[in-house]
Amino acid sequence: MVSQKITIKNPSGLHARPASILAQAAGKCSSNVIIVYGEKRIQVKSILNIMAAAIKCGTEVELQCTGETEEEDLKTLVTLIESGLGE
């Protein structure tokens, strides 16, 4: 398992559009991808799980990847989140 802490930069947090982009990107990863947010462990491949977590702008979360391509999947998803997920 590899992980990295990252701060959500989207002004409205992870609402429908950025959650959709993140879930689609995670779906292409062969690793199991989880966001740790407080006590919650969120499956990133599910847009509904991401939206239900109600992660707001400025929140620090931990992104964890476990699997054969975990390092490259983590790098891809961290870059996507840092870029603002299309916003």
PDB file of N, CA and C in Angstrom:
ATOM      1  N   MET A   1       0.836  -1.186   0.000  1.00  0.00           N
ATOM      2  CA  MET A   1       0.000   0.000   0.000  1.00  0.00           C
ATOM      3  C   MET A   1       0.877   1.244   0.000  1.00  0.00           C
ATOM      4  N   VAL A   2       0.474   2.217  -0.804  1.00  0.00           N
ATOM      5  CA  VAL A   2       1.109   3.529  -0.800  1.00  0.00           C
ATOM      6  C   VAL A   2       0.020   4.551  -0.500  1.00  0.00           C
ATOM      7  N   SER A   3       0.410   5.656   0.108  1.00  0.00           N
ATOM      8  CA  SER A   3      -0.577   6.687   0.431  1.00  0.00           C
ATOM      9  C   SER A   3       0.070   8.063   0.409  1.00  0.00           C
ATOM     10  N   GLN A   4      -0.789   9.062   0.294  1.00  0.00           N
ATOM     11  CA  GLN A   4      -0.315  10.444   0.326  1.00  0.00           C
ATOM     12  C   GLN A   4      -1.439  11.322   0.845  1.00  0.00           C
ATOM     13  N   LYS A   5      -1.072  12.284   1.683  1.00  0.00           N
ATOM     14  CA  LYS A   5      -2.054  13.262   2.155  1.00  0.00           C
ATOM     15  C   LYS A   5      -2.148  14.369   1.117  1.00  0.00           C
ATOM     16  N   ILE A   6      -3.369  14.836   0.914  1.00  0.00           N
ATOM     17  CA  ILE A   6      -3.606  15.861  -0.092  1.00  0.00           C
ATOM     18  C   ILE A   6      -4.764  16.737   0.370  1.00  0.00           C
ATOM     19  N   THR A   7      -4.704  18.021   0.020  1.00  0.00           N
ATOM     20  CA  THR A   7      -5.757  18.956   0.385  1.00  0.00           C
ATOM     21  C   THR A   7      -6.664  19.186  -0.816  1.00  0.00           C
ATOM     22  N   ILE A   8      -7.965  19.101  -0.582  1.00  0.00           N
ATOM     23  CA  ILE A   8      -8.955  19.326  -1.638  1.00  0.00           C
ATOM     24  C   ILE A   8      -8.998  20.815  -1.947  1.00  0.00           C
ATOM     25  N   LYS A   9      -8.795  21.160  -3.224  1.00  0.00           N
ATOM     26  CA  LYS A   9      -8.691  22.565  -3.624  1.00  0.00           C
ATOM     27  C   LYS A   9      -9.946  23.107  -4.307  1.00  0.00           C
ATOM     28  N   ASN A  10     -10.866  22.226  -4.690  1.00  0.00           N
ATOM     29  CA  ASN A  10     -12.064  22.676  -5.397  1.00  0.00           C
ATOM     30  C   ASN A  10     -12.885  23.592  -4.500  1.00  0.00           C
ATOM     31  N   PRO A  11     -13.271  24.776  -5.001  1.00  0.00           N
ATOM     32  CA  PRO A  11     -14.007  25.735  -4.171  1.00  0.00           C
ATOM     33  C   PRO A  11     -15.286  25.170  -3.553  1.00  0.00           C
ATOM     34  N   SER A  12     -15.959  24.275  -4.265  1.00  0.00           N
ATOM     35  CA  SER A  12     -17.198  23.684  -3.752  1.00  0.00           C
ATOM     36  C   SER A  12     -16.995  22.295  -3.169  1.00  0.00           C
ATOM     37  N   GLY A  13     -15.751  21.893  -2.992  1.00  0.00           N
ATOM     38  CA  GLY A  13     -15.472  20.553  -2.473  1.00  0.00           C
ATOM     39  C   GLY A  13     -15.695  19.495  -3.539  1.00  0.00           C
ATOM     40  N   LEU A  14     -15.876  18.260  -3.114  1.00  0.00           N
ATOM     41  CA  LEU A  14     -16.063  17.166  -4.071  1.00  0.00           C
ATOM     42  C   LEU A  14     -17.554  16.952  -4.331  1.00  0.00           C
ATOM     43  N   HIS A  15     -18.155  17.887  -5.069  1.00  0.00           N
ATOM     44  CA  HIS A  15     -19.558  17.769  -5.458  1.00  0.00           C
ATOM     45  C   HIS A  15     -19.646  16.891  -6.713  1.00  0.00           C
ATOM     46  N   ALA A  16     -20.770  16.864  -7.382  1.00  0.00           N
ATOM     47  CA  ALA A  16     -21.048  15.906  -8.460  1.00  0.00           C
ATOM     48  C   ALA A  16     -20.003  15.858  -9.577  1.00  0.00           C
ATOM     49  N   ARG A  17     -19.655  16.990 -10.166  1.00  0.00           N
ATOM     50  CA  ARG A  17     -18.734  16.968 -11.317  1.00  0.00           C
ATOM     51  C   ARG A  17     -17.339  16.492 -10.956  1.00  0.00           C
ATOM     52  N   PRO A  18     -16.667  17.076  -9.952  1.00  0.00           N
ATOM     53  CA  PRO A  18     -15.333  16.565  -9.614  1.00  0.00           C
ATOM     54  C   PRO A  18     -15.368  15.146  -9.058  1.00  0.00           C
ATOM     55  N   ALA A  19     -16.435  14.786  -8.349  1.00  0.00           N
ATOM     56  CA  ALA A  19     -16.553  13.415  -7.840  1.00  0.00           C
ATOM     57  C   ALA A  19     -16.658  12.437  -9.003  1.00  0.00           C
ATOM     58  N   SER A  20     -17.387  12.819 -10.030  1.00  0.00           N
ATOM     59  CA  SER A  20     -17.530  11.970 -11.223  1.00  0.00           C
ATOM     60  C   SER A  20     -16.190  11.787 -11.926  1.00  0.00           C
ATOM     61  N   ILE A  21     -15.447  12.870 -12.089  1.00  0.00           N
ATOM     62  CA  ILE A  21     -14.138  12.805 -12.747  1.00  0.00           C
ATOM     63  C   ILE A  21     -13.182  11.922 -11.947  1.00  0.00           C
ATOM     64  N   LEU A  22     -13.190  12.082 -10.619  1.00  0.00           N
ATOM     65  CA  LEU A  22     -12.311  11.290  -9.763  1.00  0.00           C
ATOM     66  C   LEU A  22     -12.694   9.807  -9.807  1.00  0.00           C
ATOM     67  N   ALA A  23     -13.993   9.508  -9.737  1.00  0.00           N
ATOM     68  CA  ALA A  23     -14.455   8.114  -9.768  1.00  0.00           C
ATOM     69  C   ALA A  23     -14.128   7.453 -11.105  1.00  0.00           C
ATOM     70  N   GLN A  24     -14.283   8.189 -12.214  1.00  0.00           N
ATOM     71  CA  GLN A  24     -13.955   7.633 -13.527  1.00  0.00           C
ATOM     72  C   GLN A  24     -12.463   7.331 -13.632  1.00  0.00           C
ATOM     73  N   ALA A  25     -11.634   8.250 -13.150  1.00  0.00           N
ATOM     74  CA  ALA A  25     -10.180   8.035 -13.195  1.00  0.00           C
ATOM     75  C   ALA A  25      -9.789   6.851 -12.310  1.00  0.00           C
ATOM     76  N   ALA A  26     -10.382   6.750 -11.129  1.00  0.00           N
ATOM     77  CA  ALA A  26     -10.083   5.637 -10.226  1.00  0.00           C
ATOM     78  C   ALA A  26     -10.549   4.313 -10.822  1.00  0.00           C
ATOM     79  N   GLY A  27     -11.648   4.355 -11.573  1.00  0.00           N
ATOM     80  CA  GLY A  27     -12.156   3.151 -12.215  1.00  0.00           C
ATOM     81  C   GLY A  27     -11.194   2.574 -13.230  1.00  0.00           C
ATOM     82  N   LYS A  28     -10.338   3.397 -13.781  1.00  0.00           N
ATOM     83  CA  LYS A  28      -9.347   2.947 -14.764  1.00  0.00           C
ATOM     84  C   LYS A  28      -8.100   2.365 -14.082  1.00  0.00           C
ATOM     85  N   CYS A  29      -7.990   2.558 -12.780  1.00  0.00           N
ATOM     86  CA  CYS A  29      -6.844   2.051 -12.024  1.00  0.00           C
ATOM     87  C   CYS A  29      -7.087   0.593 -11.650  1.00  0.00           C
ATOM     88  N   SER A  30      -6.039  -0.202 -11.709  1.00  0.00           N
ATOM     89  CA  SER A  30      -6.194  -1.599 -11.292  1.00  0.00           C
ATOM     90  C   SER A  30      -6.037  -1.751  -9.778  1.00  0.00           C
ATOM     91  N   SER A  31      -5.583  -0.714  -9.111  1.00  0.00           N
ATOM     92  CA  SER A  31      -5.434  -0.740  -7.649  1.00  0.00           C
ATOM     93  C   SER A  31      -6.779  -0.516  -6.964  1.00  0.00           C
ATOM     94  N   ASN A  32      -6.846  -0.920  -5.710  1.00  0.00           N
ATOM     95  CA  ASN A  32      -7.967  -0.552  -4.864  1.00  0.00           C
ATOM     96  C   ASN A  32      -7.644   0.845  -4.337  1.00  0.00           C
ATOM     97  N   VAL A  33      -8.568   1.800  -4.506  1.00  0.00           N
ATOM     98  CA  VAL A  33      -8.307   3.192  -4.156  1.00  0.00           C
ATOM     99  C   VAL A  33      -9.292   3.629  -3.074  1.00  0.00           C
ATOM    100  N   ILE A  34      -8.742   4.186  -1.992  1.00  0.00           N
ATOM    101  CA  ILE A  34      -9.555   4.617  -0.850  1.00  0.00           C
ATOM    102  C   ILE A  34      -9.126   6.015  -0.418  1.00  0.00           C
ATOM    103  N   ILE A  35     -10.104   6.830  -0.047  1.00  0.00           N
ATOM    104  CA  ILE A  35      -9.830   8.116   0.597  1.00  0.00           C
ATOM    105  C   ILE A  35     -10.153   7.935   2.073  1.00  0.00           C
ATOM    106  N   VAL A  36      -9.190   8.295   2.912  1.00  0.00           N
ATOM    107  CA  VAL A  36      -9.421   8.286   4.352  1.00  0.00           C
ATOM    108  C   VAL A  36      -9.724   9.730   4.755  1.00  0.00           C
ATOM    109  N   TYR A  37     -10.941   9.932   5.284  1.00  0.00           N
ATOM    110  CA  TYR A  37     -11.427  11.259   5.654  1.00  0.00           C
ATOM    111  C   TYR A  37     -11.963  11.163   7.078  1.00  0.00           C
ATOM    112  N   GLY A  38     -11.157  11.594   8.034  1.00  0.00           N
ATOM    113  CA  GLY A  38     -11.528  11.436   9.438  1.00  0.00           C
ATOM    114  C   GLY A  38     -11.581   9.951   9.764  1.00  0.00           C
ATOM    115  N   GLU A  39     -12.724   9.488  10.229  1.00  0.00           N
ATOM    116  CA  GLU A  39     -12.914   8.069  10.544  1.00  0.00           C
ATOM    117  C   GLU A  39     -13.447   7.290   9.341  1.00  0.00           C
ATOM    118  N   LYS A  40     -13.777   7.992   8.259  1.00  0.00           N
ATOM    119  CA  LYS A  40     -14.385   7.344   7.095  1.00  0.00           C
ATOM    120  C   LYS A  40     -13.327   6.797   6.142  1.00  0.00           C
ATOM    121  N   ARG A  41     -13.652   5.648   5.524  1.00  0.00           N
ATOM    122  CA  ARG A  41     -12.835   5.055   4.461  1.00  0.00           C
ATOM    123  C   ARG A  41     -13.744   4.971   3.243  1.00  0.00           C
ATOM    124  N   ILE A  42     -13.463   5.794   2.232  1.00  0.00           N
ATOM    125  CA  ILE A  42     -14.348   5.953   1.087  1.00  0.00           C
ATOM    126  C   ILE A  42     -13.775   5.249  -0.137  1.00  0.00           C
ATOM    127  N   GLN A  43     -14.559   4.363  -0.742  1.00  0.00           N
ATOM    128  CA  GLN A  43     -14.177   3.715  -1.994  1.00  0.00           C
ATOM    129  C   GLN A  43     -14.269   4.762  -3.100  1.00  0.00           C
ATOM    130  N   VAL A  44     -13.150   5.078  -3.728  1.00  0.00           N
ATOM    131  CA  VAL A  44     -13.090   6.178  -4.690  1.00  0.00           C
ATOM    132  C   VAL A  44     -13.692   5.801  -6.045  1.00  0.00           C
ATOM    133  N   LYS A  45     -13.863   4.532  -6.309  1.00  0.00           N
ATOM    134  CA  LYS A  45     -14.426   4.123  -7.595  1.00  0.00           C
ATOM    135  C   LYS A  45     -15.938   4.319  -7.650  1.00  0.00           C
ATOM    136  N   SER A  46     -16.553   4.785  -6.567  1.00  0.00           N
ATOM    137  CA  SER A  46     -17.992   5.031  -6.495  1.00  0.00           C
ATOM    138  C   SER A  46     -18.275   6.523  -6.319  1.00  0.00           C
ATOM    139  N   ILE A  47     -18.905   7.124  -7.322  1.00  0.00           N
ATOM    140  CA  ILE A  47     -19.239   8.551  -7.247  1.00  0.00           C
ATOM    141  C   ILE A  47     -20.166   8.824  -6.064  1.00  0.00           C
ATOM    142  N   LEU A  48     -21.087   7.909  -5.794  1.00  0.00           N
ATOM    143  CA  LEU A  48     -22.030   8.120  -4.696  1.00  0.00           C
ATOM    144  C   LEU A  48     -21.321   8.132  -3.343  1.00  0.00           C
ATOM    145  N   ASN A  49     -20.339   7.256  -3.171  1.00  0.00           N
ATOM    146  CA  ASN A  49     -19.576   7.249  -1.915  1.00  0.00           C
ATOM    147  C   ASN A  49     -18.807   8.552  -1.730  1.00  0.00           C
ATOM    148  N   ILE A  50     -18.220   9.057  -2.815  1.00  0.00           N
ATOM    149  CA  ILE A  50     -17.457  10.310  -2.737  1.00  0.00           C
ATOM    150  C   ILE A  50     -18.382  11.466  -2.366  1.00  0.00           C
ATOM    151  N   MET A  51     -19.524  11.543  -3.053  1.00  0.00           N
ATOM    152  CA  MET A  51     -20.465  12.640  -2.789  1.00  0.00           C
ATOM    153  C   MET A  51     -21.049  12.545  -1.379  1.00  0.00           C
ATOM    154  N   ALA A  52     -21.340  11.330  -0.908  1.00  0.00           N
ATOM    155  CA  ALA A  52     -21.926  11.146   0.425  1.00  0.00           C
ATOM    156  C   ALA A  52     -20.976  11.585   1.531  1.00  0.00           C
ATOM    157  N   ALA A  53     -19.680  11.539   1.267  1.00  0.00           N
ATOM    158  CA  ALA A  53     -18.700  11.950   2.279  1.00  0.00           C
ATOM    159  C   ALA A  53     -18.712  13.458   2.508  1.00  0.00           C
ATOM    160  N   ALA A  54     -19.232  14.233   1.552  1.00  0.00           N
ATOM    161  CA  ALA A  54     -19.337  15.703   1.671  1.00  0.00           C
ATOM    162  C   ALA A  54     -17.992  16.342   2.041  1.00  0.00           C
ATOM    163  N   ILE A  55     -16.966  16.036   1.264  1.00  0.00           N
ATOM    164  CA  ILE A  55     -15.629  16.580   1.521  1.00  0.00           C
ATOM    165  C   ILE A  55     -15.557  18.005   0.996  1.00  0.00           C
ATOM    166  N   LYS A  56     -15.236  18.934   1.859  1.00  0.00           N
ATOM    167  CA  LYS A  56     -15.249  20.356   1.518  1.00  0.00           C
ATOM    168  C   LYS A  56     -13.868  20.870   1.124  1.00  0.00           C
ATOM    169  N   CYS A  57     -13.859  22.045   0.521  1.00  0.00           N
ATOM    170  CA  CYS A  57     -12.624  22.721   0.123  1.00  0.00           C
ATOM    171  C   CYS A  57     -11.744  22.944   1.350  1.00  0.00           C
ATOM    172  N   GLY A  58     -10.448  22.705   1.179  1.00  0.00           N
ATOM    173  CA  GLY A  58      -9.498  22.911   2.259  1.00  0.00           C
ATOM    174  C   GLY A  58      -9.325  21.723   3.181  1.00  0.00           C
ATOM    175  N   THR A  59     -10.087  20.662   2.956  1.00  0.00           N
ATOM    176  CA  THR A  59     -10.002  19.467   3.784  1.00  0.00           C
ATOM    177  C   THR A  59      -8.793  18.631   3.371  1.00  0.00           C
ATOM    178  N   GLU A  60      -8.023  18.184   4.350  1.00  0.00           N
ATOM    179  CA  GLU A  60      -6.911  17.285   4.059  1.00  0.00           C
ATOM    180  C   GLU A  60      -7.404  15.843   4.198  1.00  0.00           C
ATOM    181  N   VAL A  61      -7.176  15.066   3.144  1.00  0.00           N
ATOM    182  CA  VAL A  61      -7.554  13.653   3.133  1.00  0.00           C
ATOM    183  C   VAL A  61      -6.316  12.826   2.810  1.00  0.00           C
ATOM    184  N   GLU A  62      -6.403  11.528   3.051  1.00  0.00           N
ATOM    185  CA  GLU A  62      -5.316  10.631   2.681  1.00  0.00           C
ATOM    186  C   GLU A  62      -5.805   9.718   1.577  1.00  0.00           C
ATOM    187  N   LEU A  63      -5.097   9.696   0.474  1.00  0.00           N
ATOM    188  CA  LEU A  63      -5.418   8.837  -0.651  1.00  0.00           C
ATOM    189  C   LEU A  63      -4.548   7.593  -0.554  1.00  0.00           C
ATOM    190  N   GLN A  64      -5.174   6.410  -0.545  1.00  0.00           N
ATOM    191  CA  GLN A  64      -4.438   5.151  -0.422  1.00  0.00           C
ATOM    192  C   GLN A  64      -4.699   4.281  -1.643  1.00  0.00           C
ATOM    193  N   CYS A  65      -3.645   3.679  -2.174  1.00  0.00           N
ATOM    194  CA  CYS A  65      -3.753   2.745  -3.295  1.00  0.00           C
ATOM    195  C   CYS A  65      -3.083   1.439  -2.902  1.00  0.00           C
ATOM    196  N   THR A  66      -3.764   0.340  -3.199  1.00  0.00           N
ATOM    197  CA  THR A  66      -3.230  -0.981  -2.910  1.00  0.00           C
ATOM    198  C   THR A  66      -3.418  -1.856  -4.143  1.00  0.00           C
ATOM    199  N   GLY A  67      -2.327  -2.406  -4.662  1.00  0.00           N
ATOM    200  CA  GLY A  67      -2.422  -3.282  -5.823  1.00  0.00           C
ATOM    201  C   GLY A  67      -1.142  -3.270  -6.632  1.00  0.00           C
ATOM    202  N   GLU A  68      -1.192  -3.960  -7.759  1.00  0.00           N
ATOM    203  CA  GLU A  68       0.004  -4.110  -8.593  1.00  0.00           C
ATOM    204  C   GLU A  68       0.545  -2.790  -9.122  1.00  0.00           C
ATOM    205  N   THR A  69      -0.339  -1.866  -9.470  1.00  0.00           N
ATOM    206  CA  THR A  69       0.091  -0.588 -10.051  1.00  0.00           C
ATOM    207  C   THR A  69      -0.142   0.569  -9.081  1.00  0.00           C
ATOM    208  N   GLU A  70      -0.032   0.286  -7.778  1.00  0.00           N
ATOM    209  CA  GLU A  70      -0.379   1.271  -6.761  1.00  0.00           C
ATOM    210  C   GLU A  70       0.392   2.571  -6.862  1.00  0.00           C
ATOM    211  N   GLU A  71       1.682   2.516  -7.139  1.00  0.00           N
ATOM    212  CA  GLU A  71       2.483   3.744  -7.169  1.00  0.00           C
ATOM    213  C   GLU A  71       2.082   4.645  -8.331  1.00  0.00           C
ATOM    214  N   GLU A  72       1.910   4.079  -9.523  1.00  0.00           N
ATOM    215  CA  GLU A  72       1.530   4.923 -10.659  1.00  0.00           C
ATOM    216  C   GLU A  72       0.082   5.389 -10.529  1.00  0.00           C
ATOM    217  N   ASP A  73      -0.804   4.565  -9.946  1.00  0.00           N
ATOM    218  CA  ASP A  73      -2.194   4.985  -9.737  1.00  0.00           C
ATOM    219  C   ASP A  73      -2.261   6.136  -8.740  1.00  0.00           C
ATOM    220  N   LEU A  74      -1.488   6.052  -7.659  1.00  0.00           N
ATOM    221  CA  LEU A  74      -1.463   7.131  -6.670  1.00  0.00           C
ATOM    222  C   LEU A  74      -0.984   8.424  -7.319  1.00  0.00           C
ATOM    223  N   LYS A  75       0.087   8.352  -8.083  1.00  0.00           N
ATOM    224  CA  LYS A  75       0.632   9.539  -8.736  1.00  0.00           C
ATOM    225  C   LYS A  75      -0.397  10.158  -9.683  1.00  0.00           C
ATOM    226  N   THR A  76      -1.084   9.325 -10.469  1.00  0.00           N
ATOM    227  CA  THR A  76      -2.090   9.805 -11.415  1.00  0.00           C
ATOM    228  C   THR A  76      -3.231  10.516 -10.692  1.00  0.00           C
ATOM    229  N   LEU A  77      -3.740   9.899  -9.632  1.00  0.00           N
ATOM    230  CA  LEU A  77      -4.891  10.478  -8.924  1.00  0.00           C
ATOM    231  C   LEU A  77      -4.513  11.724  -8.127  1.00  0.00           C
ATOM    232  N   VAL A  78      -3.327  11.740  -7.533  1.00  0.00           N
ATOM    233  CA  VAL A  78      -2.875  12.940  -6.806  1.00  0.00           C
ATOM    234  C   VAL A  78      -2.738  14.109  -7.779  1.00  0.00           C
ATOM    235  N   THR A  79      -2.158  13.852  -8.948  1.00  0.00           N
ATOM    236  CA  THR A  79      -2.011  14.907  -9.957  1.00  0.00           C
ATOM    237  C   THR A  79      -3.388  15.433 -10.375  1.00  0.00           C
ATOM    238  N   LEU A  80      -4.334  14.529 -10.567  1.00  0.00           N
ATOM    239  CA  LEU A  80      -5.686  14.924 -10.965  1.00  0.00           C
ATOM    240  C   LEU A  80      -6.350  15.786  -9.897  1.00  0.00           C
ATOM    241  N   ILE A  81      -6.242  15.376  -8.638  1.00  0.00           N
ATOM    242  CA  ILE A  81      -6.841  16.142  -7.549  1.00  0.00           C
ATOM    243  C   ILE A  81      -6.163  17.509  -7.415  1.00  0.00           C
ATOM    244  N   GLU A  82      -4.832  17.537  -7.512  1.00  0.00           N
ATOM    245  CA  GLU A  82      -4.114  18.815  -7.386  1.00  0.00           C
ATOM    246  C   GLU A  82      -4.445  19.762  -8.541  1.00  0.00           C
ATOM    247  N   SER A  83      -4.822  19.228  -9.685  1.00  0.00           N
ATOM    248  CA  SER A  83      -5.168  20.068 -10.837  1.00  0.00           C
ATOM    249  C   SER A  83      -6.567  20.666 -10.705  1.00  0.00           C
ATOM    250  N   GLY A  84      -7.326  20.242  -9.685  1.00  0.00           N
ATOM    251  CA  GLY A  84      -8.658  20.802  -9.466  1.00  0.00           C
ATOM    252  C   GLY A  84      -9.769  19.983 -10.076  1.00  0.00           C
ATOM    253  N   LEU A  85      -9.487  18.820 -10.604  1.00  0.00           N
ATOM    254  CA  LEU A  85     -10.509  17.917 -11.155  1.00  0.00           C
ATOM    255  C   LEU A  85     -11.391  18.603 -12.193  1.00  0.00           C
ATOM    256  N   GLY A  86     -10.744  19.340 -13.092  1.00  0.00           N
ATOM    257  CA  GLY A  86     -11.481  19.951 -14.199  1.00  0.00           C
ATOM    258  C   GLY A  86     -12.169  21.259 -13.874  1.00  0.00           C
ATOM    259  N   GLU A  87     -11.949  21.792 -12.697  1.00  0.00           N
ATOM    260  CA  GLU A  87     -12.608  23.068 -12.347  1.00  0.00           C
ATOM    261  C   GLU A  87     -11.599  24.194 -12.307  1.00  0.00           C
TER     262      GLU A  87
END
